C-alpha cells in the first residue's frame, strides 16, 4: 500500500498545529490512487529523464499517451539523444503535471520510474495518435518509433500534505479478464464518436465541469474513458471497473449518461 510522506510545518504555535491537523486529515481522506490515474491518463506531455553515456541524468520534453493498461507511450526518434540513451540503458523517469495559473509547484504532478522499450503494438500506436493527431505525419518516418514505459513505481505530489510513494500495481489498470474490452476498444471509441457525441459532451460538461463542445473519445479501458476537445483532455473515471465484456461497458456508459442528464 502507498504511504503518505507528509511535509508539514513545524509545531510551535496554534496556527501551525491547526495546519498540521488539517493537512493530516486531508491526506487521510484524499484518493491518491484516483489522482495518480487521472494525471497519468489526462496529461499530454511530460519531462522524460534518461541516462546519457556518462551515466548522467538528461531531461527532455516528450508528448505522452497511455496504453490500455495505463503504461505511458511516447513517440521518439532514434536521432534524438534521449532515444540513444534509452537504447543503451532502458531506465527512465517521466514527470507529468497539470500546470495552471499561479505557482507551478502548487499544482499536482507525478514522477514515474520505469523502463522504456520499443513497441510495435497497434493499440499503443492508435491510442497515441488519437491523443496527438498532429504526430501522424511523421510517425511513419524510418527513424521514429513508439516506446512503452513499463512503470515500476511513482511519486505523487498532489498538494500540501499530499505526497505519496506508489507501487505500479496501485495506479496501473488491471486487465485481468478484460480481453473483450481491449479487443473491442477501437470499435467502441469509433462508436461513441460517431453515434454518441451528445453523451460525450454530457460527460465532459455535467460530470467533469468542462466547457461544452464537440468532445471526442480517444480511449476506453476498464477504469474509465479518455476524451479530448482541441488540446484539452479529460478523464472520466468509472464508479467501478467495467467487467470484461462489451455489454458491461455499454451498461457503465449508459448509467453515466443518465447520471449526467440528472445534473442541473
C-alpha atoms as a PDB file:
ATOM      1  CA  UNK A   1       0.000   0.000   0.000  1.00  0.00           C
ATOM      2  CA  UNK A   2       1.106   3.572  -0.574  1.00  0.00           C
ATOM      3  CA  UNK A   3       2.329   5.627   2.357  1.00  0.00           C
ATOM      4  CA  UNK A   4       1.917   9.430   2.549  1.00  0.00           C
ATOM      5  CA  UNK A   5       5.091  11.426   3.106  1.00  0.00           C
ATOM      6  CA  UNK A   6       3.527  14.485   4.722  1.00  0.00           C
ATOM      7  CA  UNK A   7       5.687  17.599   4.565  1.00  0.00           C
ATOM      8  CA  UNK A   8       4.161  19.650   7.367  1.00  0.00           C
ATOM      9  CA  UNK A   9       5.234  22.873   9.070  1.00  0.00           C
ATOM     10  CA  UNK A  10       6.970  22.500  12.432  1.00  0.00           C
ATOM     11  CA  UNK A  11       4.785  22.765  15.511  1.00  0.00           C
ATOM     12  CA  UNK A  12       5.274  25.853  17.610  1.00  0.00           C
ATOM     13  CA  UNK A  13       2.078  27.839  17.606  1.00  0.00           C
ATOM     14  CA  UNK A  14      -1.642  27.215  17.358  1.00  0.00           C
ATOM     15  CA  UNK A  15      -1.753  28.169  13.673  1.00  0.00           C
ATOM     16  CA  UNK A  16       0.963  25.715  12.744  1.00  0.00           C
ATOM     17  CA  UNK A  17      -0.658  22.944  14.761  1.00  0.00           C
ATOM     18  CA  UNK A  18      -4.028  23.642  13.128  1.00  0.00           C
ATOM     19  CA  UNK A  19      -2.418  23.488   9.691  1.00  0.00           C
ATOM     20  CA  UNK A  20      -0.751  20.207  10.598  1.00  0.00           C
ATOM     21  CA  UNK A  21      -4.031  18.665  11.741  1.00  0.00           C
ATOM     22  CA  UNK A  22      -5.904  19.893   8.661  1.00  0.00           C
ATOM     23  CA  UNK A  23      -3.230  18.587   6.305  1.00  0.00           C
ATOM     24  CA  UNK A  24      -3.145  15.220   8.061  1.00  0.00           C
ATOM     25  CA  UNK A  25      -6.930  14.885   7.844  1.00  0.00           C
ATOM     26  CA  UNK A  26      -6.889  15.907   4.200  1.00  0.00           C
ATOM     27  CA  UNK A  27      -4.159  13.400   3.377  1.00  0.00           C
ATOM     28  CA  UNK A  28      -6.058  10.629   5.142  1.00  0.00           C
ATOM     29  CA  UNK A  29      -9.241  11.194   3.112  1.00  0.00           C
ATOM     30  CA  UNK A  30      -7.561  12.000  -0.200  1.00  0.00           C
ATOM     31  CA  UNK A  31      -7.866   9.483  -3.056  1.00  0.00           C
ATOM     32  CA  UNK A  32      -4.226   9.324  -4.111  1.00  0.00           C
ATOM     33  CA  UNK A  33      -4.797   6.375  -6.431  1.00  0.00           C
ATOM     34  CA  UNK A  34      -7.548   8.185  -8.318  1.00  0.00           C
ATOM     35  CA  UNK A  35      -5.429  11.329  -8.535  1.00  0.00           C
ATOM     36  CA  UNK A  36      -2.459   9.380  -9.887  1.00  0.00           C
ATOM     37  CA  UNK A  37      -4.582   7.628 -12.504  1.00  0.00           C
ATOM     38  CA  UNK A  38      -6.180  10.890 -13.616  1.00  0.00           C
ATOM     39  CA  UNK A  39      -2.803  12.602 -14.017  1.00  0.00           C
ATOM     40  CA  UNK A  40      -1.453   9.639 -15.931  1.00  0.00           C
ATOM     41  CA  UNK A  41      -4.431   9.371 -18.260  1.00  0.00           C
ATOM     42  CA  UNK A  42      -5.044  13.060 -18.948  1.00  0.00           C
ATOM     43  CA  UNK A  43      -1.586  14.609 -19.384  1.00  0.00           C
ATOM     44  CA  UNK A  44      -0.373  15.068 -22.983  1.00  0.00           C
ATOM     45  CA  UNK A  45       3.292  15.876 -22.380  1.00  0.00           C
ATOM     46  CA  UNK A  46       5.943  15.374 -19.775  1.00  0.00           C
ATOM     47  CA  UNK A  47       9.608  15.551 -18.808  1.00  0.00           C
ATOM     48  CA  UNK A  48      11.452  12.369 -19.766  1.00  0.00           C
ATOM     49  CA  UNK A  49      14.544  11.558 -17.744  1.00  0.00           C
ATOM     50  CA  UNK A  50      17.183   9.215 -19.168  1.00  0.00           C
ATOM     51  CA  UNK A  51      20.845   8.395 -18.531  1.00  0.00           C
ATOM     52  CA  UNK A  52      23.489   9.534 -21.006  1.00  0.00           C
ATOM     53  CA  UNK A  53      26.731   7.802 -21.975  1.00  0.00           C
ATOM     54  CA  UNK A  54      28.438   9.172 -18.859  1.00  0.00           C
ATOM     55  CA  UNK A  55      25.580   7.888 -16.673  1.00  0.00           C
ATOM     56  CA  UNK A  56      24.481  11.463 -16.038  1.00  0.00           C
ATOM     57  CA  UNK A  57      20.803  12.483 -15.988  1.00  0.00           C
ATOM     58  CA  UNK A  58      19.345  14.032 -19.122  1.00  0.00           C
ATOM     59  CA  UNK A  59      15.830  15.501 -19.316  1.00  0.00           C
ATOM     60  CA  UNK A  60      13.761  16.223 -22.418  1.00  0.00           C
ATOM     61  CA  UNK A  61      10.196  17.156 -23.322  1.00  0.00           C
ATOM     62  CA  UNK A  62       8.043  14.439 -24.911  1.00  0.00           C
ATOM     63  CA  UNK A  63       4.428  14.003 -25.964  1.00  0.00           C
ATOM     64  CA  UNK A  64       2.701  11.316 -23.905  1.00  0.00           C
ATOM     65  CA  UNK A  65      -0.286   9.000 -24.246  1.00  0.00           C
ATOM     66  CA  UNK A  66      -1.152   5.797 -22.399  1.00  0.00           C
ATOM     67  CA  UNK A  67      -1.587   2.178 -23.392  1.00  0.00           C
ATOM     68  CA  UNK A  68      -4.792   0.415 -22.376  1.00  0.00           C
ATOM     69  CA  UNK A  69      -3.308  -0.587 -19.014  1.00  0.00           C
ATOM     70  CA  UNK A  70      -2.037   2.916 -18.292  1.00  0.00           C
ATOM     71  CA  UNK A  71       1.605   2.448 -19.288  1.00  0.00           C
ATOM     72  CA  UNK A  72       2.933   5.689 -20.815  1.00  0.00           C
ATOM     73  CA  UNK A  73       3.597   5.620 -24.566  1.00  0.00           C
ATOM     74  CA  UNK A  74       5.913   8.079 -26.321  1.00  0.00           C
ATOM     75  CA  UNK A  75       6.910   8.626 -29.960  1.00  0.00           C
ATOM     76  CA  UNK A  76      10.602   9.436 -30.333  1.00  0.00           C
ATOM     77  CA  UNK A  77      13.326   9.469 -32.982  1.00  0.00           C
ATOM     78  CA  UNK A  78      16.470   7.334 -32.943  1.00  0.00           C
ATOM     79  CA  UNK A  79      18.343  10.524 -33.824  1.00  0.00           C
ATOM     80  CA  UNK A  80      17.371  12.130 -30.509  1.00  0.00           C
ATOM     81  CA  UNK A  81      19.725  11.922 -27.555  1.00  0.00           C
ATOM     82  CA  UNK A  82      17.036  10.566 -25.230  1.00  0.00           C
ATOM     83  CA  UNK A  83      16.397   7.645 -27.602  1.00  0.00           C
ATOM     84  CA  UNK A  84      20.104   6.870 -27.821  1.00  0.00           C
ATOM     85  CA  UNK A  85      20.168   6.902 -24.036  1.00  0.00           C
ATOM     86  CA  UNK A  86      17.205   4.509 -23.819  1.00  0.00           C
ATOM     87  CA  UNK A  87      18.719   2.091 -26.328  1.00  0.00           C
ATOM     88  CA  UNK A  88      21.835   1.948 -24.158  1.00  0.00           C
ATOM     89  CA  UNK A  89      20.056   1.931 -20.765  1.00  0.00           C
ATOM     90  CA  UNK A  90      16.288   1.479 -20.625  1.00  0.00           C
ATOM     91  CA  UNK A  91      15.877   3.062 -17.183  1.00  0.00           C
ATOM     92  CA  UNK A  92      13.821   6.258 -17.362  1.00  0.00           C
ATOM     93  CA  UNK A  93      11.683   8.609 -15.349  1.00  0.00           C
ATOM     94  CA  UNK A  94       8.682  10.572 -16.571  1.00  0.00           C
ATOM     95  CA  UNK A  95       7.201  13.578 -14.785  1.00  0.00           C
ATOM     96  CA  UNK A  96       3.630  14.569 -15.645  1.00  0.00           C
ATOM     97  CA  UNK A  97       1.953  17.718 -14.345  1.00  0.00           C
ATOM     98  CA  UNK A  98      -1.209  19.757 -14.740  1.00  0.00           C
ATOM     99  CA  UNK A  99       0.146  23.301 -14.657  1.00  0.00           C
ATOM    100  CA  UNK A 100      -2.336  26.168 -14.406  1.00  0.00           C
ATOM    101  CA  UNK A 101      -2.141  29.722 -13.150  1.00  0.00           C
ATOM    102  CA  UNK A 102      -0.215  30.852 -10.113  1.00  0.00           C
ATOM    103  CA  UNK A 103       2.642  28.951  -8.515  1.00  0.00           C
ATOM    104  CA  UNK A 104       3.522  25.930 -10.721  1.00  0.00           C
ATOM    105  CA  UNK A 105       4.658  23.995  -7.652  1.00  0.00           C
ATOM    106  CA  UNK A 106       1.136  24.220  -6.217  1.00  0.00           C
ATOM    107  CA  UNK A 107      -0.260  22.028  -8.993  1.00  0.00           C
ATOM    108  CA  UNK A 108      -0.341  18.200  -8.893  1.00  0.00           C
ATOM    109  CA  UNK A 109       2.409  16.169 -10.541  1.00  0.00           C
ATOM    110  CA  UNK A 110       3.560  12.597 -10.657  1.00  0.00           C
ATOM    111  CA  UNK A 111       7.032  11.193 -11.335  1.00  0.00           C
ATOM    112  CA  UNK A 112       7.075   7.664 -12.731  1.00  0.00           C
ATOM    113  CA  UNK A 113      10.111   5.390 -12.650  1.00  0.00           C
ATOM    114  CA  UNK A 114      10.355   2.513 -15.110  1.00  0.00           C
ATOM    115  CA  UNK A 115      11.942   1.051 -18.217  1.00  0.00           C
ATOM    116  CA  UNK A 116      11.270   2.059 -21.816  1.00  0.00           C
ATOM    117  CA  UNK A 117      11.251  -0.287 -24.796  1.00  0.00           C
ATOM    118  CA  UNK A 118      10.235  -0.146 -28.443  1.00  0.00           C
ATOM    119  CA  UNK A 119       6.723  -1.401 -29.166  1.00  0.00           C
ATOM    120  CA  UNK A 120       5.014  -2.244 -32.451  1.00  0.00           C
ATOM    121  CA  UNK A 121       1.636  -2.858 -30.812  1.00  0.00           C
ATOM    122  CA  UNK A 122      -1.231  -1.424 -32.876  1.00  0.00           C
ATOM    123  CA  UNK A 123      -3.177  -0.364 -29.786  1.00  0.00           C
ATOM    124  CA  UNK A 124      -0.279   1.715 -28.489  1.00  0.00           C
ATOM    125  CA  UNK A 125       0.095   3.414 -31.870  1.00  0.00           C
ATOM    126  CA  UNK A 126      -3.628   4.074 -32.265  1.00  0.00           C
ATOM    127  CA  UNK A 127      -4.043   5.454 -28.767  1.00  0.00           C
ATOM    128  CA  UNK A 128      -1.036   7.751 -29.115  1.00  0.00           C
ATOM    129  CA  UNK A 129      -2.200   9.188 -32.441  1.00  0.00           C
ATOM    130  CA  UNK A 130      -5.725   9.677 -31.078  1.00  0.00           C
ATOM    131  CA  UNK A 131      -4.206  11.854 -28.354  1.00  0.00           C
ATOM    132  CA  UNK A 132      -1.682  13.522 -30.712  1.00  0.00           C
ATOM    133  CA  UNK A 133      -3.196  13.572 -34.233  1.00  0.00           C
ATOM    134  CA  UNK A 134      -0.589  16.071 -35.456  1.00  0.00           C
ATOM    135  CA  UNK A 135       2.067  13.383 -34.943  1.00  0.00           C
ATOM    136  CA  UNK A 136       0.578  11.136 -37.628  1.00  0.00           C
ATOM    137  CA  UNK A 137       2.549  12.864 -40.373  1.00  0.00           C
ATOM    138  CA  UNK A 138       5.960  11.870 -39.017  1.00  0.00           C
ATOM    139  CA  UNK A 139       5.023   8.732 -37.072  1.00  0.00           C
ATOM    140  CA  UNK A 140       5.900   6.584 -40.103  1.00  0.00           C
ATOM    141  CA  UNK A 141       9.356   8.108 -40.630  1.00  0.00           C
ATOM    142  CA  UNK A 142      12.049   5.424 -40.529  1.00  0.00           C
ATOM    143  CA  UNK A 143      13.820   6.907 -37.506  1.00  0.00           C
ATOM    144  CA  UNK A 144      10.686   7.248 -35.357  1.00  0.00           C
ATOM    145  CA  UNK A 145       9.250   4.578 -33.105  1.00  0.00           C
ATOM    146  CA  UNK A 146       6.727   4.152 -30.318  1.00  0.00           C
ATOM    147  CA  UNK A 147       8.161   3.334 -26.919  1.00  0.00           C
ATOM    148  CA  UNK A 148       6.222   1.948 -23.990  1.00  0.00           C
ATOM    149  CA  UNK A 149       7.366   2.805 -20.480  1.00  0.00           C
ATOM    150  CA  UNK A 150       6.783  -0.073 -18.067  1.00  0.00           C
ATOM    151  CA  UNK A 151       6.243   1.610 -14.690  1.00  0.00           C
ATOM    152  CA  UNK A 152       7.911   0.255 -11.568  1.00  0.00           C
ATOM    153  CA  UNK A 153       6.869   2.921  -9.068  1.00  0.00           C
ATOM    154  CA  UNK A 154       5.750   6.530  -8.835  1.00  0.00           C
ATOM    155  CA  UNK A 155       5.960   9.567  -6.575  1.00  0.00           C
ATOM    156  CA  UNK A 156       2.813  11.706  -6.422  1.00  0.00           C
ATOM    157  CA  UNK A 157       2.761  15.294  -5.171  1.00  0.00           C
ATOM    158  CA  UNK A 158      -0.860  16.414  -5.151  1.00  0.00           C
ATOM    159  CA  UNK A 159      -0.627  19.431  -2.854  1.00  0.00           C
ATOM    160  CA  UNK A 160       0.329  20.379   0.690  1.00  0.00           C
ATOM    161  CA  UNK A 161       0.413  17.258   2.862  1.00  0.00           C
ATOM    162  CA  UNK A 162      -0.470  15.069  -0.114  1.00  0.00           C
ATOM    163  CA  UNK A 163       2.777  13.347  -1.043  1.00  0.00           C
ATOM    164  CA  UNK A 164       2.754   9.629  -1.752  1.00  0.00           C
ATOM    165  CA  UNK A 165       5.004   6.825  -2.932  1.00  0.00           C
ATOM    166  CA  UNK A 166       3.054   4.383  -5.104  1.00  0.00           C
ATOM    167  CA  UNK A 167       3.669   0.911  -6.448  1.00  0.00           C
ATOM    168  CA  UNK A 168       2.951   0.333 -10.132  1.00  0.00           C
ATOM    169  CA  UNK A 169       0.106  -2.061  -9.365  1.00  0.00           C
ATOM    170  CA  UNK A 170      -1.691   0.712  -7.487  1.00  0.00           C
ATOM    171  CA  UNK A 171      -2.006   3.128 -10.412  1.00  0.00           C
ATOM    172  CA  UNK A 172      -1.946   0.774 -13.401  1.00  0.00           C
ATOM    173  CA  UNK A 173      -5.190  -0.683 -14.786  1.00  0.00           C
ATOM    174  CA  UNK A 174      -5.686  -4.386 -14.159  1.00  0.00           C
ATOM    175  CA  UNK A 175      -6.623  -6.036 -17.472  1.00  0.00           C
ATOM    176  CA  UNK A 176      -7.305  -9.462 -15.984  1.00  0.00           C
ATOM    177  CA  UNK A 177     -10.476 -10.740 -17.638  1.00  0.00           C
ATOM    178  CA  UNK A 178     -10.775  -7.583 -19.759  1.00  0.00           C
ATOM    179  CA  UNK A 179      -9.810  -9.184 -23.071  1.00  0.00           C
ATOM    180  CA  UNK A 180     -13.112  -8.313 -24.731  1.00  0.00           C
ATOM    181  CA  UNK A 181     -12.829  -4.642 -23.750  1.00  0.00           C
ATOM    182  CA  UNK A 182      -9.245  -4.443 -25.010  1.00  0.00           C
ATOM    183  CA  UNK A 183     -10.081  -6.208 -28.275  1.00  0.00           C
ATOM    184  CA  UNK A 184     -13.150  -4.059 -28.866  1.00  0.00           C
ATOM    185  CA  UNK A 185     -11.721  -0.724 -27.751  1.00  0.00           C
ATOM    186  CA  UNK A 186     -11.119   0.746 -31.209  1.00  0.00           C
ATOM    187  CA  UNK A 187     -14.664  -0.086 -32.268  1.00  0.00           C
ATOM    188  CA  UNK A 188     -16.118   1.264 -29.022  1.00  0.00           C
ATOM    189  CA  UNK A 189     -14.240   4.558 -29.406  1.00  0.00           C
ATOM    190  CA  UNK A 190     -15.406   4.937 -33.007  1.00  0.00           C
ATOM    191  CA  UNK A 191     -18.985   4.093 -31.989  1.00  0.00           C
ATOM    192  CA  UNK A 192     -19.008   6.702 -29.227  1.00  0.00           C
ATOM    193  CA  UNK A 193     -17.634   9.385 -31.550  1.00  0.00           C
ATOM    194  CA  UNK A 194     -19.971   8.578 -34.428  1.00  0.00           C
ATOM    195  CA  UNK A 195     -23.202   7.795 -32.591  1.00  0.00           C
ATOM    196  CA  UNK A 196     -22.978   9.233 -29.084  1.00  0.00           C
ATOM    197  CA  UNK A 197     -21.318  12.642 -29.402  1.00  0.00           C
ATOM    198  CA  UNK A 198     -24.110  14.077 -27.246  1.00  0.00           C
ATOM    199  CA  UNK A 199     -23.253  11.689 -24.424  1.00  0.00           C
ATOM    200  CA  UNK A 200     -19.563  12.600 -24.611  1.00  0.00           C
ATOM    201  CA  UNK A 201     -20.405  16.285 -24.226  1.00  0.00           C
ATOM    202  CA  UNK A 202     -22.712  15.454 -21.319  1.00  0.00           C
ATOM    203  CA  UNK A 203     -19.934  13.542 -19.578  1.00  0.00           C
ATOM    204  CA  UNK A 204     -17.477  16.396 -20.048  1.00  0.00           C
ATOM    205  CA  UNK A 205     -19.769  19.262 -19.089  1.00  0.00           C
ATOM    206  CA  UNK A 206     -22.061  17.789 -16.443  1.00  0.00           C
ATOM    207  CA  UNK A 207     -19.804  15.267 -14.742  1.00  0.00           C
ATOM    208  CA  UNK A 208     -16.363  16.839 -15.179  1.00  0.00           C
ATOM    209  CA  UNK A 209     -17.121  20.573 -15.269  1.00  0.00           C
ATOM    210  CA  UNK A 210     -15.527  21.105 -18.678  1.00  0.00           C
ATOM    211  CA  UNK A 211     -16.531  23.579 -21.378  1.00  0.00           C
ATOM    212  CA  UNK A 212     -19.181  22.491 -23.911  1.00  0.00           C
ATOM    213  CA  UNK A 213     -18.053  21.466 -27.384  1.00  0.00           C
ATOM    214  CA  UNK A 214     -17.509  18.579 -29.774  1.00  0.00           C
ATOM    215  CA  UNK A 215     -15.733  16.260 -27.353  1.00  0.00           C
ATOM    216  CA  UNK A 216     -14.188  13.121 -28.808  1.00  0.00           C
ATOM    217  CA  UNK A 217     -13.347   9.826 -27.147  1.00  0.00           C
ATOM    218  CA  UNK A 218      -9.679   8.876 -27.529  1.00  0.00           C
ATOM    219  CA  UNK A 219      -9.527   5.732 -25.409  1.00  0.00           C
ATOM    220  CA  UNK A 220     -11.561   3.385 -23.239  1.00  0.00           C
ATOM    221  CA  UNK A 221     -10.273   0.980 -20.603  1.00  0.00           C
ATOM    222  CA  UNK A 222     -11.874  -0.890 -17.697  1.00  0.00           C
ATOM    223  CA  UNK A 223     -11.231   2.055 -15.353  1.00  0.00           C
ATOM    224  CA  UNK A 224     -12.542   4.934 -17.447  1.00  0.00           C
ATOM    225  CA  UNK A 225     -12.968   6.972 -20.624  1.00  0.00           C
ATOM    226  CA  UNK A 226     -10.434   9.415 -22.110  1.00  0.00           C
ATOM    227  CA  UNK A 227     -11.732  12.425 -24.066  1.00  0.00           C
ATOM    228  CA  UNK A 228     -10.398  15.467 -25.888  1.00  0.00           C
ATOM    229  CA  UNK A 229     -11.661  18.814 -27.143  1.00  0.00           C
ATOM    230  CA  UNK A 230      -8.945  20.513 -29.170  1.00  0.00           C
ATOM    231  CA  UNK A 231      -5.892  20.358 -26.913  1.00  0.00           C
ATOM    232  CA  UNK A 232      -7.953  19.944 -23.739  1.00  0.00           C
ATOM    233  CA  UNK A 233      -8.103  16.476 -22.228  1.00  0.00           C
ATOM    234  CA  UNK A 234     -10.493  14.960 -19.707  1.00  0.00           C
ATOM    235  CA  UNK A 235     -10.631  11.657 -17.888  1.00  0.00           C
ATOM    236  CA  UNK A 236     -13.972  10.172 -16.825  1.00  0.00           C
ATOM    237  CA  UNK A 237     -13.314   7.507 -14.176  1.00  0.00           C
ATOM    238  CA  UNK A 238     -15.904   4.772 -13.897  1.00  0.00           C
ATOM    239  CA  UNK A 239     -17.588   4.293 -10.487  1.00  0.00           C
ATOM    240  CA  UNK A 240     -16.180   0.768 -10.539  1.00  0.00           C
ATOM    241  CA  UNK A 241     -14.122  -1.124 -13.143  1.00  0.00           C
ATOM    242  CA  UNK A 242     -16.109  -2.364 -16.120  1.00  0.00           C
ATOM    243  CA  UNK A 243     -16.205  -6.129 -16.337  1.00  0.00           C
ATOM    244  CA  UNK A 244     -14.602  -7.889 -19.276  1.00  0.00           C
ATOM    245  CA  UNK A 245     -17.487  -7.704 -21.736  1.00  0.00           C
ATOM    246  CA  UNK A 246     -18.722  -5.130 -24.200  1.00  0.00           C
ATOM    247  CA  UNK A 247     -22.189  -5.412 -22.660  1.00  0.00           C
ATOM    248  CA  UNK A 248     -20.826  -4.426 -19.248  1.00  0.00           C
ATOM    249  CA  UNK A 249     -19.020  -1.439 -20.750  1.00  0.00           C
ATOM    250  CA  UNK A 250     -22.162  -0.257 -22.522  1.00  0.00           C
ATOM    251  CA  UNK A 251     -24.051  -0.508 -19.245  1.00  0.00           C
ATOM    252  CA  UNK A 252     -21.500   1.650 -17.418  1.00  0.00           C
ATOM    253  CA  UNK A 253     -21.531   4.307 -20.147  1.00  0.00           C
ATOM    254  CA  UNK A 254     -25.334   4.308 -20.262  1.00  0.00           C
ATOM    255  CA  UNK A 255     -25.584   4.738 -16.490  1.00  0.00           C
ATOM    256  CA  UNK A 256     -23.127   7.644 -16.584  1.00  0.00           C
ATOM    257  CA  UNK A 257     -25.105   9.334 -19.368  1.00  0.00           C
ATOM    258  CA  UNK A 258     -28.268   9.037 -17.285  1.00  0.00           C
ATOM    259  CA  UNK A 259     -26.447  10.458 -14.279  1.00  0.00           C
ATOM    260  CA  UNK A 260     -25.201  13.386 -16.376  1.00  0.00           C
ATOM    261  CA  UNK A 261     -28.717  14.158 -17.587  1.00  0.00           C
ATOM    262  CA  UNK A 262     -29.903  14.382 -13.985  1.00  0.00           C
ATOM    263  CA  UNK A 263     -27.298  17.030 -13.162  1.00  0.00           C
ATOM    264  CA  UNK A 264     -28.849  20.506 -13.194  1.00  0.00           C
END
